Protein backbone atom coordinates (compact mmCIF):
# COMPACT_ATOMS: atom_id res chain seq x y z
CA UNK A 1 -134.11 -34.33 190.36
CA UNK A 2 -130.66 -34.33 188.71
CA UNK A 3 -128.86 -37.64 188.43
CA UNK A 4 -125.65 -38.52 190.26
CA UNK A 5 -122.38 -37.58 188.58
CA UNK A 6 -121.26 -40.38 186.32
CA UNK A 7 -118.68 -42.63 187.97
CA UNK A 8 -119.20 -41.27 191.49
CA UNK A 9 -119.16 -43.76 194.33
CA UNK A 10 -121.29 -41.40 196.42
CA UNK A 11 -123.60 -38.49 195.58
CA UNK A 12 -125.71 -36.36 197.87
CA UNK A 13 -128.36 -34.50 195.88
CA UNK A 14 -130.13 -31.45 197.34
CA UNK A 15 -130.23 -32.85 200.88
CA UNK A 16 -132.38 -30.95 203.38
CA UNK A 17 -132.70 -31.88 207.06
CA UNK A 18 -134.40 -30.05 209.92
CA UNK A 19 -134.65 -31.47 213.43
CA UNK A 20 -137.92 -31.18 215.34
CA UNK A 21 -139.43 -27.74 215.36
CA UNK A 22 -136.18 -25.94 214.76
CA UNK A 23 -136.56 -22.96 212.43
CA UNK A 24 -133.02 -23.44 211.22
CA UNK A 25 -132.19 -26.43 208.99
CA UNK A 26 -129.29 -28.69 209.92
CA UNK A 27 -128.66 -29.19 206.20
CA UNK A 28 -129.82 -26.82 203.47
CA UNK A 29 -129.68 -28.08 199.85
CA UNK A 30 -126.39 -29.93 200.29
CA UNK A 31 -125.08 -31.55 197.10
CA UNK A 32 -121.68 -33.09 196.33
CA UNK A 33 -120.06 -36.15 194.75
CA UNK A 34 -117.23 -38.40 195.93
CA UNK A 35 -115.11 -40.25 193.38
CA UNK A 36 -113.98 -43.87 193.80
CA UNK A 37 -110.75 -44.00 195.80
CA UNK A 38 -110.98 -40.35 196.86
CA UNK A 39 -109.99 -39.06 200.30
CA UNK A 40 -112.81 -36.56 200.86
CA UNK A 41 -113.02 -34.49 204.04
CA UNK A 42 -115.95 -32.56 205.50
CA UNK A 43 -114.67 -29.67 207.60
CA UNK A 44 -116.57 -27.22 209.76
CA UNK A 45 -117.16 -25.87 213.26
CA UNK A 46 -119.53 -27.48 215.73
CA UNK A 47 -123.13 -27.22 214.57
CA UNK A 48 -122.26 -26.70 210.90
CA UNK A 49 -123.95 -29.93 209.76
CA UNK A 50 -120.98 -32.18 209.09
CA UNK A 51 -122.06 -34.99 211.46
CA UNK A 52 -125.60 -34.88 210.04
CA UNK A 53 -124.09 -35.43 206.59
CA UNK A 54 -122.16 -38.44 207.87
CA UNK A 55 -125.24 -39.93 209.54
CA UNK A 56 -127.25 -39.37 206.37
CA UNK A 57 -124.65 -41.22 204.29
CA UNK A 58 -124.56 -44.08 206.82
CA UNK A 59 -128.36 -44.30 206.90
CA UNK A 60 -128.85 -43.28 210.53
CA UNK A 61 -130.69 -40.11 209.44
CA UNK A 62 -133.37 -39.73 206.76
CA UNK A 63 -133.32 -36.45 204.82
CA UNK A 64 -136.50 -34.37 204.58
CA UNK A 65 -135.73 -33.80 200.92
CA UNK A 66 -133.16 -35.03 198.41
CA UNK A 67 -131.53 -38.37 197.91
CA UNK A 68 -128.37 -40.38 198.58
CA UNK A 69 -126.88 -42.33 195.67
CA UNK A 70 -124.12 -44.93 196.01
CA UNK A 71 -122.47 -46.34 192.90
CA UNK A 72 -125.53 -45.47 190.83
CA UNK A 73 -128.08 -46.92 193.29
CA UNK A 74 -130.48 -44.72 195.24
CA UNK A 75 -130.09 -45.75 198.90
CA UNK A 76 -131.94 -42.91 200.62
CA UNK A 77 -134.38 -45.25 202.36
CA UNK A 78 -132.17 -48.34 202.59
CA UNK A 79 -131.25 -49.20 206.23
CA UNK A 80 -127.65 -48.86 207.43
CA UNK A 81 -126.91 -52.60 207.54
CA UNK A 82 -127.68 -52.91 203.83
CA UNK A 83 -125.41 -50.09 202.69
CA UNK A 84 -121.88 -50.83 201.51
CA UNK A 85 -120.47 -48.43 204.11
CA UNK A 86 -118.45 -48.85 207.31
CA UNK A 87 -117.85 -46.24 210.01
CA UNK A 88 -114.87 -45.52 212.27
CA UNK A 89 -115.94 -43.62 215.39
CA UNK A 90 -113.94 -41.37 217.70
CA UNK A 91 -114.93 -43.61 220.62
CA UNK A 92 -113.61 -46.74 218.79
CA UNK A 93 -116.87 -48.65 219.61
CA UNK A 94 -115.04 -51.95 220.13
CA UNK A 95 -116.77 -54.81 221.94
CA UNK A 96 -114.95 -55.02 225.30
CA UNK A 97 -115.59 -58.77 225.77
CA UNK A 98 -114.19 -59.72 222.35
CA UNK A 99 -110.57 -60.10 221.39
CA UNK A 100 -109.01 -57.90 218.73
CA UNK A 101 -109.43 -60.67 216.16
CA UNK A 102 -113.07 -61.24 217.13
CA UNK A 103 -113.82 -57.51 216.88
CA UNK A 104 -112.37 -57.32 213.39
CA UNK A 105 -114.15 -60.50 212.30
CA UNK A 106 -117.53 -59.28 213.56
CA UNK A 107 -118.78 -57.67 210.31
CA UNK A 108 -117.82 -60.81 208.40
CA UNK A 109 -119.59 -62.99 210.93
CA UNK A 110 -122.74 -60.93 210.43
CA UNK A 111 -122.40 -61.68 206.72
CA UNK A 112 -122.27 -65.40 207.63
CA UNK A 113 -118.82 -65.83 206.14
CA UNK A 114 -117.12 -69.14 206.84
CA UNK A 115 -114.85 -69.14 209.90
CA UNK A 116 -111.65 -69.96 207.99
CA UNK A 117 -112.16 -67.17 205.46
CA UNK A 118 -113.10 -64.53 208.00
CA UNK A 119 -110.09 -65.47 210.16
CA UNK A 120 -107.79 -65.05 207.19
CA UNK A 121 -109.33 -61.76 206.10
CA UNK A 122 -109.26 -60.36 209.64
CA UNK A 123 -105.60 -61.32 209.90
CA UNK A 124 -104.86 -59.49 206.64
CA UNK A 125 -106.70 -56.38 207.83
CA UNK A 126 -104.78 -56.34 211.11
CA UNK A 127 -101.48 -56.66 209.24
CA UNK A 128 -102.44 -53.65 207.11
CA UNK A 129 -102.74 -51.50 210.24
CA UNK A 130 -99.65 -53.03 211.92
CA UNK A 131 -101.70 -54.84 214.58
CA UNK A 132 -101.10 -58.44 213.54
CA UNK A 133 -99.36 -59.30 216.79
CA UNK A 134 -102.28 -58.15 218.97
CA UNK A 135 -105.04 -60.46 217.69
CA UNK A 136 -105.58 -62.26 221.00
CA UNK A 137 -105.68 -59.18 223.23
CA UNK A 138 -108.78 -57.51 224.63
CA UNK A 139 -109.48 -53.82 223.91
CA UNK A 140 -108.66 -52.71 227.46
CA UNK A 141 -105.15 -54.11 227.01
CA UNK A 142 -104.44 -51.70 224.15
CA UNK A 143 -103.44 -48.04 223.99
CA UNK A 144 -105.75 -45.48 222.42
CA UNK A 145 -103.81 -45.49 219.18
CA UNK A 146 -103.87 -49.28 219.00
CA UNK A 147 -107.62 -49.37 219.60
CA UNK A 148 -108.13 -46.86 216.81
CA UNK A 149 -106.11 -49.08 214.46
CA UNK A 150 -108.30 -52.05 215.39
CA UNK A 151 -111.43 -49.99 214.70
CA UNK A 152 -109.96 -49.08 211.33
CA UNK A 153 -109.17 -52.74 210.57
CA UNK A 154 -112.77 -53.67 211.40
CA UNK A 155 -114.03 -50.97 209.01
CA UNK A 156 -111.93 -52.12 206.05
CA UNK A 157 -112.08 -55.89 206.55
CA UNK A 158 -115.18 -56.30 204.38
CA UNK A 159 -113.71 -54.01 201.70
CA UNK A 160 -116.65 -51.56 201.52
CA UNK A 161 -116.90 -48.98 198.76
CA UNK A 162 -116.98 -46.18 201.35
CA UNK A 163 -115.37 -45.79 204.78
CA UNK A 164 -116.80 -43.03 206.98
CA UNK A 165 -114.50 -41.58 209.64
CA UNK A 166 -116.21 -39.54 212.36
CA UNK A 167 -113.48 -37.42 214.01
CA UNK A 168 -111.49 -40.64 214.55
CA UNK A 169 -108.35 -38.96 215.91
CA UNK A 170 -110.02 -36.62 218.38
CA UNK A 171 -109.26 -38.77 221.45
CA UNK A 172 -105.55 -39.21 220.63
CA UNK A 173 -102.62 -37.09 221.73
CA UNK A 174 -100.74 -34.94 219.20
CA UNK A 175 -98.02 -37.46 218.32
CA UNK A 176 -100.49 -40.31 217.89
CA UNK A 177 -102.73 -38.12 215.75
CA UNK A 178 -99.82 -37.33 213.46
CA UNK A 179 -98.86 -41.01 213.21
CA UNK A 180 -102.44 -42.02 212.46
CA UNK A 181 -102.70 -39.38 209.73
CA UNK A 182 -99.84 -41.08 207.89
CA UNK A 183 -101.43 -44.48 208.51
CA UNK A 184 -104.80 -43.38 207.14
CA UNK A 185 -103.37 -41.80 204.00
CA UNK A 186 -101.12 -44.78 203.22
CA UNK A 187 -103.93 -47.26 203.86
CA UNK A 188 -106.45 -45.37 201.78
CA UNK A 189 -104.07 -45.15 198.83
CA UNK A 190 -103.24 -48.85 199.06
CA UNK A 191 -106.85 -50.03 199.30
CA UNK A 192 -108.22 -47.40 196.89
CA UNK A 193 -111.40 -47.08 198.92
CA UNK A 194 -113.31 -43.82 199.18
CA UNK A 195 -112.74 -42.28 202.62
CA UNK A 196 -115.21 -39.64 203.84
CA UNK A 197 -113.56 -37.96 206.81
CA UNK A 198 -115.42 -35.63 209.17
CA UNK A 199 -113.40 -33.23 211.33
CA UNK A 200 -113.30 -29.74 212.82
CA UNK A 201 -109.47 -29.80 212.62
CA UNK A 202 -108.37 -27.93 209.50
CA UNK A 203 -104.83 -29.31 209.78
CA UNK A 204 -106.10 -32.88 209.46
CA UNK A 205 -108.36 -32.03 206.54
CA UNK A 206 -105.77 -30.06 204.58
CA UNK A 207 -102.93 -32.54 205.09
CA UNK A 208 -104.75 -35.75 204.16
CA UNK A 209 -107.48 -34.93 201.66
CA UNK A 210 -107.80 -34.92 197.90
CA UNK A 211 -110.72 -32.50 198.31
CA UNK A 212 -112.30 -30.71 201.25
CA UNK A 213 -115.89 -29.53 201.75
CA UNK A 214 -116.25 -26.64 204.20
CA UNK A 215 -119.63 -26.40 205.96
CA UNK A 216 -121.15 -23.24 207.41
CA UNK A 217 -124.49 -23.35 209.24
CA UNK A 218 -125.86 -26.26 207.23
CA UNK A 219 -124.69 -25.01 203.85
CA UNK A 220 -121.63 -25.66 201.71
CA UNK A 221 -119.32 -22.66 202.03
CA UNK A 222 -116.72 -24.00 199.59
CA UNK A 223 -115.53 -27.27 198.13
CA UNK A 224 -112.18 -27.86 196.46
CA UNK A 225 -108.60 -29.02 196.76
CA UNK A 226 -106.82 -28.11 200.01
CA UNK A 227 -104.59 -25.62 198.18
CA UNK A 228 -107.64 -23.88 196.69
CA UNK A 229 -109.27 -23.44 200.08
CA UNK A 230 -106.06 -22.20 201.67
CA UNK A 231 -104.86 -19.81 198.98
CA UNK A 232 -108.15 -18.86 197.29
CA UNK A 233 -110.97 -18.83 199.86
CA UNK A 234 -114.24 -17.68 198.34
CA UNK A 235 -115.64 -16.07 201.47
CA UNK A 236 -114.55 -14.33 204.63
CA UNK A 237 -115.77 -17.34 206.62
CA UNK A 238 -113.54 -19.79 204.74
CA UNK A 239 -110.56 -17.43 205.01
CA UNK A 240 -111.03 -17.25 208.77
CA UNK A 241 -111.65 -20.96 209.28
CA UNK A 242 -109.06 -22.49 206.95
CA UNK A 243 -105.51 -21.60 207.90
CA UNK A 244 -104.38 -18.63 209.97
CA UNK A 245 -105.28 -15.25 208.51
CA UNK A 246 -105.26 -11.67 209.68
CA UNK A 247 -108.64 -10.17 208.78
CA UNK A 248 -107.87 -6.47 208.45
CA UNK A 249 -110.18 -3.57 207.52
CA UNK A 250 -109.07 -1.82 204.32
CA UNK A 251 -110.20 0.26 201.38
CA UNK A 252 -108.90 1.17 197.97
CA UNK A 253 -107.65 4.76 197.98
CA UNK A 254 -106.22 6.96 195.23
CA UNK A 255 -102.48 7.57 195.27
CA UNK A 256 -102.72 10.03 192.36
CA UNK A 257 -102.21 7.40 189.66
CA UNK A 258 -104.46 4.47 190.66
CA UNK A 259 -106.49 3.11 193.55
CA UNK A 260 -104.31 1.09 195.89
CA UNK A 261 -104.92 -0.88 199.06
CA UNK A 262 -104.93 1.24 202.18
CA UNK A 263 -104.42 -0.66 205.43
CA UNK A 264 -104.14 1.14 208.74
CA UNK A 265 -103.76 4.48 206.95
CA UNK A 266 -100.84 3.31 204.81
CA UNK A 267 -101.01 2.77 201.05
CA UNK A 268 -99.71 -0.52 199.65
CA UNK A 269 -99.26 -0.06 195.86
CA UNK A 270 -98.73 -3.80 195.40
CA UNK A 271 -102.50 -4.31 195.47
CA UNK A 272 -104.84 -2.23 193.34
CA UNK A 273 -108.59 -2.15 192.82
CA UNK A 274 -111.47 0.12 191.87
CA UNK A 275 -114.24 -0.78 194.32
CA UNK A 276 -114.54 2.08 196.84
CA UNK A 277 -116.60 0.11 199.36
CA UNK A 278 -115.16 -0.80 202.75
CA UNK A 279 -113.56 -4.22 202.71
CA UNK A 280 -111.76 -6.87 204.72
CA UNK A 281 -108.41 -8.19 203.51
CA UNK A 282 -107.25 -11.67 204.52
CA UNK A 283 -103.47 -11.90 204.92
CA UNK A 284 -101.93 -15.19 206.02
CA UNK A 285 -99.65 -15.12 209.05
CA UNK A 286 -96.71 -16.28 206.94
CA UNK A 287 -97.23 -13.38 204.50
CA UNK A 288 -96.52 -10.85 207.27
CA UNK A 289 -92.92 -9.75 207.90
CA UNK A 290 -91.88 -8.18 211.20
CA UNK A 291 -88.53 -6.44 211.55
CA UNK A 292 -86.80 -4.05 213.91
CA UNK A 293 -88.03 -0.47 213.54
CA UNK A 294 -86.16 1.40 210.82
CA UNK A 295 -84.39 -1.68 209.44
CA UNK A 296 -86.49 -2.04 206.26
CA UNK A 297 -84.47 -0.97 203.18
CA UNK A 298 -85.79 1.66 200.76
CA UNK A 299 -89.22 3.29 200.74
CA UNK A 300 -91.21 0.07 201.22
CA UNK A 301 -94.59 0.77 202.89
CA UNK A 302 -94.79 -0.44 206.49
CA UNK A 303 -97.04 -0.18 209.51
CA UNK A 304 -95.40 0.95 212.73
CA UNK A 305 -96.14 -1.30 215.66
CA UNK A 306 -95.14 -2.70 219.02
CA UNK A 307 -94.64 -6.40 219.80
CA UNK A 308 -97.16 -7.55 222.39
CA UNK A 309 -95.93 -11.13 222.75
CA UNK A 310 -93.93 -13.84 220.97
CA UNK A 311 -94.72 -17.56 221.06
CA UNK A 312 -92.06 -20.15 220.20
CA UNK A 313 -93.74 -23.02 218.34
CA UNK A 314 -90.66 -25.08 217.48
CA UNK A 315 -90.22 -24.46 213.77
CA UNK A 316 -91.46 -20.88 213.92
CA UNK A 317 -92.23 -17.89 216.10
CA UNK A 318 -95.76 -16.53 216.22
CA UNK A 319 -95.51 -12.78 216.78
CA UNK A 320 -98.42 -10.66 217.96
CA UNK A 321 -98.01 -6.99 217.00
CA UNK A 322 -100.21 -4.03 217.87
CA UNK A 323 -100.31 -1.40 215.11
CA UNK A 324 -102.59 1.35 216.37
CA UNK A 325 -106.06 -0.20 216.44
CA UNK A 326 -104.93 -3.24 214.48
CA UNK A 327 -103.75 -6.52 215.96
CA UNK A 328 -101.54 -8.35 213.45
CA UNK A 329 -100.14 -11.87 213.73
CA UNK A 330 -97.02 -13.05 211.93
CA UNK A 331 -95.49 -16.51 211.59
CA UNK A 332 -91.72 -16.29 211.16
CA UNK A 333 -89.35 -19.27 210.70
CA UNK A 334 -87.35 -19.73 213.88
CA UNK A 335 -84.09 -20.01 211.93
CA UNK A 336 -84.60 -16.83 209.91
CA UNK A 337 -85.41 -14.16 212.43
CA UNK A 338 -83.63 -11.90 214.84
CA UNK A 339 -84.84 -12.04 218.41
CA UNK A 340 -88.07 -10.12 218.91
CA UNK A 341 -89.28 -9.30 222.42
CA UNK A 342 -92.42 -7.87 223.99
CA UNK A 343 -92.49 -4.07 223.95
CA UNK A 344 -90.12 -3.78 220.99
CA UNK A 345 -90.88 -1.23 218.26
CA UNK A 346 -91.13 -2.91 214.87
CA UNK A 347 -92.05 -2.39 211.24
CA UNK A 348 -94.73 -4.62 209.71
CA UNK A 349 -94.86 -5.27 205.97
CA UNK A 350 -97.05 -7.55 203.84
CA UNK A 351 -96.74 -9.82 200.84
CA UNK A 352 -100.15 -9.16 199.30
CA UNK A 353 -99.71 -11.39 196.25
CA UNK A 354 -101.89 -14.07 197.87
CA UNK A 355 -104.16 -11.79 199.89
CA UNK A 356 -107.93 -12.04 199.42
CA UNK A 357 -110.25 -9.02 199.54
CA UNK A 358 -113.85 -9.36 200.69
CA UNK A 359 -116.07 -6.31 200.32
CA UNK A 360 -118.43 -5.61 203.16
């Protein structure tokens, strides 16, 4: 079996896992490395295998095949309490009868650390998450965001090599989630611990991570920097799941000089190719322009359509346009667009410089 990448704090090597008599594996030859101090996210829909990966790293699941390596040591069969890993759960998992300080001190108490030292270290951890003034409170006296900060303090207090975060922001409202994203990133950079973050929320993964692993039905669909996944997805699945894309049927058709992209019966010379097979083109919402019918200057290629509805999302409008059999979504900055209304005839054009083509 190949050895772990040199210098990695965590390596999963060819991990297989199947539950019970299921014919479909939960994990199928999953391999990746996490560098020291890296913010690494595992992203995927429900049932894709991301939680099984987390439980395998923590030691709560044993793989059928493959091994888990931490800082050069094979830990595949080492129990959870002997791994240098701490987990932050969505449900917080705080002891209701213990104060905030006692909850944070608990891992240190299990390590038989002296009372004075664990009190000091717990106090430092609470200060790092801006909860120093809440040490004497019980969990039920805290808000959801405060409880999540306490759970985070408890995870980092023993300074583990790896912190696992299992959808930790899922129970928080939008504003608290956004605040906690900033807290997590700042804390991770300050402590230089490896964070392995599991989520189904692509916004969280893209905004916080150094790298993101996208899971699809137990397999790795793609792994890379957030910008790579967003602008250069390697499959139709990743293009659909990461970011907002129109997935439009197309083909390359001859315009007399070359083969150009044909979408909805209209040729778009900006994009050329020579594969005659039917294909799907992924065009991001913000690469679609919608304007009043007939207002586009020059002979630029456009699709004729009708606005079905417009959603105001604060910083932008999301416009849903019907162009024949095609339904096309556009994201337009709220400060840069004329008013568009349902039933209005419009022209739709594309910036295809970042479009991805997937042949069927």
